């Protein structure tokens, strides 16, 4: 079993987010904090160090939160979630993989896929990087 991680989960506070966070906490013993506003992100990210940030950057405050975290630590381990074709890095996949530590999930995704990224982040690559 892997070491317990401190996770910041940035998403609208809905049932699906709460269930994912609860399962990560209950079954894998991670400490998960859900935030659903930019103001909460600012407060918590200044006060705490997180092993992984899970963020739906397509939400109202998601892109702003992502830019804020990047301004503090551009190598923060991050799992981005987005239903659309927009990427978290406007300069594209190659730039993202060489300048950030991000993995991307596109909903719907099975919960074990999220667990795998959390548990084995360092051993994974972004599955959505465009290969030439």
C-alpha atoms as a PDB file:
ATOM      1  CA  UNK A   1       0.000   0.000   0.000  1.00  0.00           C
ATOM      2  CA  UNK A   2       1.310   3.444  -0.868  1.00  0.00           C
ATOM      3  CA  UNK A   3       1.917   6.268   1.556  1.00  0.00           C
ATOM      4  CA  UNK A   4      -1.045   8.430   2.467  1.00  0.00           C
ATOM      5  CA  UNK A   5      -1.180  11.636   0.401  1.00  0.00           C
ATOM      6  CA  UNK A   6      -2.574  15.064   1.123  1.00  0.00           C
ATOM      7  CA  UNK A   7      -4.874  15.963  -1.774  1.00  0.00           C
ATOM      8  CA  UNK A   8      -6.536  19.244  -2.687  1.00  0.00           C
ATOM      9  CA  UNK A   9      -9.649  18.515  -4.784  1.00  0.00           C
ATOM     10  CA  UNK A  10     -10.783  21.655  -6.631  1.00  0.00           C
ATOM     11  CA  UNK A  11     -14.240  21.162  -8.090  1.00  0.00           C
ATOM     12  CA  UNK A  12     -17.800  22.283  -7.605  1.00  0.00           C
ATOM     13  CA  UNK A  13     -19.032  20.671  -4.439  1.00  0.00           C
ATOM     14  CA  UNK A  14     -21.318  18.026  -5.907  1.00  0.00           C
ATOM     15  CA  UNK A  15     -22.204  14.452  -5.084  1.00  0.00           C
ATOM     16  CA  UNK A  16     -19.723  12.885  -7.534  1.00  0.00           C
ATOM     17  CA  UNK A  17     -16.802  14.935  -6.203  1.00  0.00           C
ATOM     18  CA  UNK A  18     -17.760  14.144  -2.627  1.00  0.00           C
ATOM     19  CA  UNK A  19     -18.006  10.420  -3.391  1.00  0.00           C
ATOM     20  CA  UNK A  20     -14.599  10.339  -5.107  1.00  0.00           C
ATOM     21  CA  UNK A  21     -13.011  12.219  -2.222  1.00  0.00           C
ATOM     22  CA  UNK A  22     -14.672   9.971   0.359  1.00  0.00           C
ATOM     23  CA  UNK A  23     -13.542   6.816  -1.456  1.00  0.00           C
ATOM     24  CA  UNK A  24      -9.956   8.114  -1.704  1.00  0.00           C
ATOM     25  CA  UNK A  25     -10.083   8.824   1.999  1.00  0.00           C
ATOM     26  CA  UNK A  26     -11.847   5.656   3.171  1.00  0.00           C
ATOM     27  CA  UNK A  27     -10.281   3.033   0.915  1.00  0.00           C
ATOM     28  CA  UNK A  28      -6.812   4.511   0.387  1.00  0.00           C
ATOM     29  CA  UNK A  29      -6.403   6.606   3.559  1.00  0.00           C
ATOM     30  CA  UNK A  30      -5.580   9.849   1.755  1.00  0.00           C
ATOM     31  CA  UNK A  31      -6.407  13.188   3.342  1.00  0.00           C
ATOM     32  CA  UNK A  32      -8.690  14.920   0.829  1.00  0.00           C
ATOM     33  CA  UNK A  33      -9.816  18.532   1.086  1.00  0.00           C
ATOM     34  CA  UNK A  34     -12.569  19.664  -1.302  1.00  0.00           C
ATOM     35  CA  UNK A  35     -12.737  23.331  -2.252  1.00  0.00           C
ATOM     36  CA  UNK A  36     -15.428  24.920  -4.368  1.00  0.00           C
ATOM     37  CA  UNK A  37     -14.288  28.537  -4.636  1.00  0.00           C
ATOM     38  CA  UNK A  38     -11.178  30.423  -5.670  1.00  0.00           C
ATOM     39  CA  UNK A  39     -11.024  32.141  -2.292  1.00  0.00           C
ATOM     40  CA  UNK A  40     -10.754  28.755  -0.558  1.00  0.00           C
ATOM     41  CA  UNK A  41      -7.980  27.723  -2.974  1.00  0.00           C
ATOM     42  CA  UNK A  42      -5.994  30.860  -2.115  1.00  0.00           C
ATOM     43  CA  UNK A  43      -6.340  30.329   1.624  1.00  0.00           C
ATOM     44  CA  UNK A  44      -5.621  26.590   1.668  1.00  0.00           C
ATOM     45  CA  UNK A  45      -2.799  26.609  -0.880  1.00  0.00           C
ATOM     46  CA  UNK A  46      -0.952  29.367   1.001  1.00  0.00           C
ATOM     47  CA  UNK A  47      -1.246  27.536   4.324  1.00  0.00           C
ATOM     48  CA  UNK A  48      -0.645  23.936   3.227  1.00  0.00           C
ATOM     49  CA  UNK A  49       1.555  21.770   1.053  1.00  0.00           C
ATOM     50  CA  UNK A  50      -0.365  19.218  -1.024  1.00  0.00           C
ATOM     51  CA  UNK A  51       1.064  16.074  -2.566  1.00  0.00           C
ATOM     52  CA  UNK A  52      -1.448  16.202  -5.420  1.00  0.00           C
ATOM     53  CA  UNK A  53      -4.016  18.695  -6.654  1.00  0.00           C
ATOM     54  CA  UNK A  54      -7.043  17.348  -8.526  1.00  0.00           C
ATOM     55  CA  UNK A  55      -8.704  20.127 -10.474  1.00  0.00           C
ATOM     56  CA  UNK A  56     -11.535  20.532 -12.911  1.00  0.00           C
ATOM     57  CA  UNK A  57     -10.090  23.568 -14.666  1.00  0.00           C
ATOM     58  CA  UNK A  58     -13.195  23.979 -16.842  1.00  0.00           C
ATOM     59  CA  UNK A  59     -15.249  25.086 -13.801  1.00  0.00           C
ATOM     60  CA  UNK A  60     -15.947  28.757 -13.150  1.00  0.00           C
ATOM     61  CA  UNK A  61     -12.967  29.174 -10.826  1.00  0.00           C
ATOM     62  CA  UNK A  62     -10.902  26.232 -12.093  1.00  0.00           C
ATOM     63  CA  UNK A  63      -8.741  28.015 -14.674  1.00  0.00           C
ATOM     64  CA  UNK A  64      -8.085  30.863 -12.235  1.00  0.00           C
ATOM     65  CA  UNK A  65      -7.101  28.335  -9.539  1.00  0.00           C
ATOM     66  CA  UNK A  66      -4.803  26.487 -11.936  1.00  0.00           C
ATOM     67  CA  UNK A  67      -3.017  29.739 -12.894  1.00  0.00           C
ATOM     68  CA  UNK A  68      -2.730  30.702  -9.235  1.00  0.00           C
ATOM     69  CA  UNK A  69      -1.158  27.368  -8.252  1.00  0.00           C
ATOM     70  CA  UNK A  70       1.185  27.547 -11.267  1.00  0.00           C
ATOM     71  CA  UNK A  71       2.359  30.976 -10.125  1.00  0.00           C
ATOM     72  CA  UNK A  72       3.413  29.471  -6.784  1.00  0.00           C
ATOM     73  CA  UNK A  73       4.666  26.044  -7.904  1.00  0.00           C
ATOM     74  CA  UNK A  74       4.547  25.187 -11.604  1.00  0.00           C
ATOM     75  CA  UNK A  75       5.764  21.660 -10.787  1.00  0.00           C
ATOM     76  CA  UNK A  76       2.885  20.887  -8.398  1.00  0.00           C
ATOM     77  CA  UNK A  77       1.665  17.349  -9.101  1.00  0.00           C
ATOM     78  CA  UNK A  78      -1.744  17.839 -10.621  1.00  0.00           C
ATOM     79  CA  UNK A  79      -4.511  15.719 -12.101  1.00  0.00           C
ATOM     80  CA  UNK A  80      -6.646  17.823 -14.407  1.00  0.00           C
ATOM     81  CA  UNK A  81     -10.216  16.931 -15.290  1.00  0.00           C
ATOM     82  CA  UNK A  82     -11.997  18.438 -18.255  1.00  0.00           C
ATOM     83  CA  UNK A  83     -14.858  17.300 -20.432  1.00  0.00           C
ATOM     84  CA  UNK A  84     -13.966  19.577 -23.317  1.00  0.00           C
ATOM     85  CA  UNK A  85     -11.048  19.591 -25.731  1.00  0.00           C
ATOM     86  CA  UNK A  86      -9.376  22.510 -23.965  1.00  0.00           C
ATOM     87  CA  UNK A  87      -5.998  21.656 -22.471  1.00  0.00           C
ATOM     88  CA  UNK A  88      -4.743  22.970 -19.148  1.00  0.00           C
ATOM     89  CA  UNK A  89      -1.667  24.395 -20.859  1.00  0.00           C
ATOM     90  CA  UNK A  90      -2.371  26.755 -23.801  1.00  0.00           C
ATOM     91  CA  UNK A  91       1.098  26.072 -25.229  1.00  0.00           C
ATOM     92  CA  UNK A  92       0.175  22.431 -25.777  1.00  0.00           C
ATOM     93  CA  UNK A  93       1.069  18.947 -24.619  1.00  0.00           C
ATOM     94  CA  UNK A  94       4.802  19.066 -25.325  1.00  0.00           C
ATOM     95  CA  UNK A  95       5.217  22.227 -23.259  1.00  0.00           C
ATOM     96  CA  UNK A  96       3.027  20.847 -20.477  1.00  0.00           C
ATOM     97  CA  UNK A  97       4.927  17.563 -20.156  1.00  0.00           C
ATOM     98  CA  UNK A  98       8.304  19.332 -20.036  1.00  0.00           C
ATOM     99  CA  UNK A  99       7.279  22.195 -17.685  1.00  0.00           C
ATOM    100  CA  UNK A 100       4.622  20.674 -15.404  1.00  0.00           C
ATOM    101  CA  UNK A 101       3.746  17.486 -13.563  1.00  0.00           C
ATOM    102  CA  UNK A 102       0.205  16.957 -14.827  1.00  0.00           C
ATOM    103  CA  UNK A 103      -1.964  14.047 -15.834  1.00  0.00           C
ATOM    104  CA  UNK A 104      -5.331  14.476 -17.510  1.00  0.00           C
ATOM    105  CA  UNK A 105      -8.620  12.632 -17.053  1.00  0.00           C
ATOM    106  CA  UNK A 106     -11.579  13.095 -19.364  1.00  0.00           C
ATOM    107  CA  UNK A 107     -14.985  12.226 -17.872  1.00  0.00           C
ATOM    108  CA  UNK A 108     -16.510   9.818 -17.603  1.00  0.00           C
ATOM    109  CA  UNK A 109     -13.617   7.861 -16.162  1.00  0.00           C
ATOM    110  CA  UNK A 110     -13.718   4.857 -13.847  1.00  0.00           C
ATOM    111  CA  UNK A 111     -12.752   5.552 -10.248  1.00  0.00           C
ATOM    112  CA  UNK A 112      -9.837   3.053 -10.390  1.00  0.00           C
ATOM    113  CA  UNK A 113      -8.233   5.244 -13.066  1.00  0.00           C
ATOM    114  CA  UNK A 114      -8.185   8.187 -10.653  1.00  0.00           C
ATOM    115  CA  UNK A 115      -6.832   5.949  -7.881  1.00  0.00           C
ATOM    116  CA  UNK A 116      -4.075   4.693 -10.183  1.00  0.00           C
ATOM    117  CA  UNK A 117      -2.962   8.253 -10.964  1.00  0.00           C
ATOM    118  CA  UNK A 118      -2.997   9.235  -7.294  1.00  0.00           C
ATOM    119  CA  UNK A 119      -1.205   6.090  -6.133  1.00  0.00           C
ATOM    120  CA  UNK A 120       1.345   5.852  -8.961  1.00  0.00           C
ATOM    121  CA  UNK A 121       1.657   9.439 -10.178  1.00  0.00           C
ATOM    122  CA  UNK A 122       5.428   9.324 -10.665  1.00  0.00           C
ATOM    123  CA  UNK A 123       5.180   6.101 -12.672  1.00  0.00           C
ATOM    124  CA  UNK A 124       2.583   7.384 -15.128  1.00  0.00           C
ATOM    125  CA  UNK A 125       2.632   9.655 -18.151  1.00  0.00           C
ATOM    126  CA  UNK A 126      -0.186  11.831 -19.381  1.00  0.00           C
ATOM    127  CA  UNK A 127      -2.298   9.481 -21.468  1.00  0.00           C
ATOM    128  CA  UNK A 128      -3.672  12.356 -23.531  1.00  0.00           C
ATOM    129  CA  UNK A 129      -0.376  13.701 -24.848  1.00  0.00           C
ATOM    130  CA  UNK A 130      -0.575  13.862 -28.602  1.00  0.00           C
ATOM    131  CA  UNK A 131       2.013  11.569 -30.163  1.00  0.00           C
ATOM    132  CA  UNK A 132       3.585  12.563 -33.454  1.00  0.00           C
END
